[in-house]
Amino acid sequence: MKIGALASLSGLPVKTLRYYEDLGLLPAIGRTEGGYRLFGDQSLRRLEFIRRLKTLGLSLEEIQSCLTVHDAGELPCHDIEVMLNQQIERIERQIGDLAQLRTELEGLLEGWRSDPAREADLICPNLRV
């Protein structure tokens, strides 16, 4: 099928499909005489796989490594497990960072004045910068 049909079936823009092809995530199986890219039915499953891993927070680089394992005839399940555990660790760090930011914001707002007195060269005296 041509890239437009694949875009329609997958719900992804043609531009995204071209980008995925450029990255090697979505290889075309050939081209028409007119130069249009051709994709097989397996491309739709591949796009579903990419979309699923993206929703789990994996990067396109990580997804590419999984697809490379698959394309070599192996199952990438172990690699995906490792990456998902790493993703959990990243999320835990983000949760910690966000909790610290929340504490900082709450502390800042405790003494906030909506209409503070002007101070020389300060854009907002509440922030002290």
Protein backbone atom coordinates (compact mmCIF):
# COMPACT_ATOMS: atom_id res chain seq x y z
CA MET A 1 0.00 0.00 0.00
CA LYS A 2 1.09 3.59 -0.53
CA ILE A 3 2.08 5.81 2.36
CA GLY A 4 -1.21 7.74 2.24
CA ALA A 5 -3.22 4.55 2.73
CA LEU A 6 -0.95 3.50 5.60
CA ALA A 7 -1.37 6.93 7.17
CA SER A 8 -5.13 6.64 6.89
CA LEU A 9 -5.21 3.15 8.42
CA SER A 10 -2.77 3.97 11.21
CA GLY A 11 -4.11 7.41 12.05
CA LEU A 12 -0.62 8.87 11.80
CA PRO A 13 0.36 11.75 9.53
CA VAL A 14 2.32 10.99 6.38
CA LYS A 15 5.09 13.24 7.72
CA THR A 16 5.47 10.98 10.78
CA LEU A 17 5.63 7.88 8.60
CA ARG A 18 8.34 9.44 6.46
CA TYR A 19 10.25 10.38 9.61
CA TYR A 20 9.95 6.82 10.92
CA GLU A 21 11.19 5.53 7.59
CA ASP A 22 14.16 7.92 7.67
CA LEU A 23 15.04 6.63 11.16
CA GLY A 24 14.79 3.03 10.01
CA LEU A 25 11.77 2.25 12.19
CA LEU A 26 9.46 1.64 9.25
CA PRO A 27 11.14 0.26 6.17
CA ALA A 28 9.33 0.55 2.86
CA ILE A 29 9.13 -2.68 0.88
CA GLY A 30 9.69 -0.84 -2.37
CA ARG A 31 8.55 1.98 -4.59
CA THR A 32 6.16 2.31 -7.49
CA GLU A 33 7.40 3.30 -10.92
CA GLY A 34 6.31 6.82 -9.99
CA GLY A 35 8.53 6.77 -6.88
CA TYR A 36 5.79 6.34 -4.28
CA ARG A 37 6.78 4.38 -1.18
CA LEU A 38 5.12 1.00 -0.74
CA PHE A 39 4.44 -0.65 2.59
CA GLY A 40 3.17 -4.11 3.48
CA ASP A 41 0.48 -5.17 5.93
CA GLN A 42 3.16 -5.82 8.57
CA SER A 43 3.86 -2.07 8.59
CA LEU A 44 0.57 -1.47 10.38
CA ARG A 45 1.49 -3.95 13.14
CA ARG A 46 4.91 -2.35 13.37
CA LEU A 47 3.31 1.08 13.81
CA GLU A 48 1.05 -0.31 16.55
CA PHE A 49 4.15 -1.67 18.29
CA ILE A 50 5.91 1.71 17.99
CA ARG A 51 2.85 3.55 19.27
CA ARG A 52 2.48 1.20 22.25
CA LEU A 53 6.10 1.56 23.31
CA LYS A 54 5.89 5.33 22.88
CA THR A 55 2.83 5.45 25.18
CA LEU A 56 4.92 3.56 27.75
CA GLY A 57 7.50 6.34 27.53
CA LEU A 58 10.24 4.68 25.51
CA SER A 59 12.25 6.81 23.13
CA LEU A 60 12.39 6.21 19.40
CA GLU A 61 16.01 5.15 19.86
CA GLU A 62 14.98 2.51 22.39
CA ILE A 63 12.16 1.36 20.12
CA GLN A 64 14.61 1.10 17.23
CA SER A 65 16.84 -1.20 19.25
CA CYS A 66 13.84 -3.49 19.93
CA LEU A 67 12.93 -3.52 16.25
CA THR A 68 16.53 -4.33 15.32
CA VAL A 69 16.38 -7.40 17.57
CA HIS A 70 13.04 -8.37 16.01
CA ASP A 71 14.33 -7.83 12.48
CA ALA A 72 17.24 -10.16 13.29
CA GLY A 73 14.69 -12.90 13.96
CA GLU A 74 14.72 -12.73 17.76
CA LEU A 75 12.07 -11.69 20.26
CA PRO A 76 12.90 -8.38 21.97
CA CYS A 77 10.89 -9.19 25.12
CA HIS A 78 13.89 -9.24 27.46
CA ASP A 79 15.19 -5.95 26.04
CA ILE A 80 11.75 -4.39 26.46
CA GLU A 81 11.58 -5.63 30.06
CA VAL A 82 14.92 -3.96 30.83
CA MET A 83 13.78 -0.72 29.19
CA LEU A 84 10.46 -0.72 31.04
CA ASN A 85 12.30 -1.16 34.36
CA GLN A 86 14.54 1.76 33.40
CA GLN A 87 11.42 3.76 32.57
CA ILE A 88 10.03 3.05 36.05
CA GLU A 89 13.30 4.35 37.53
CA ARG A 90 13.04 7.53 35.40
CA ILE A 91 9.45 8.02 36.54
CA GLU A 92 10.46 7.59 40.20
CA ARG A 93 13.14 10.29 39.76
CA GLN A 94 10.60 12.58 38.06
CA ILE A 95 8.12 12.04 40.90
CA GLY A 96 10.82 13.01 43.39
CA ASP A 97 11.75 16.09 41.36
CA LEU A 98 8.09 17.12 41.07
CA ALA A 99 7.51 16.65 44.81
CA GLN A 100 10.51 18.88 45.50
CA LEU A 101 9.22 21.49 43.04
CA ARG A 102 5.78 21.40 44.66
CA THR A 103 7.32 21.99 48.09
CA GLU A 104 9.30 24.92 46.69
CA LEU A 105 6.19 26.42 45.05
CA GLU A 106 4.11 26.02 48.20
CA GLY A 107 6.84 27.72 50.24
CA LEU A 108 7.05 30.54 47.75
CA LEU A 109 3.28 31.07 47.81
CA GLU A 110 3.11 31.10 51.63
CA GLY A 111 4.54 34.61 51.74
CA TRP A 112 3.20 35.76 48.37
CA ARG A 113 1.86 39.27 48.07
CA SER A 114 -0.45 40.01 45.15
CA ASP A 115 0.37 43.71 45.17
CA PRO A 116 3.88 44.05 46.64
CA ALA A 117 5.72 47.33 46.97
CA ARG A 118 8.00 48.14 44.09
CA GLU A 119 11.67 47.45 44.61
CA ALA A 120 14.46 48.78 42.42
CA ASP A 121 15.19 46.61 39.38
CA LEU A 122 13.03 43.68 40.54
CA ILE A 123 10.45 42.53 38.02
CA CYS A 124 8.46 40.72 40.72
CA PRO A 125 9.60 41.34 44.29
CA ASN A 126 8.03 38.05 45.43
CA LEU A 127 10.61 36.14 43.43
CA ARG A 128 13.60 38.26 44.56
CA VAL A 129 15.09 38.19 41.04
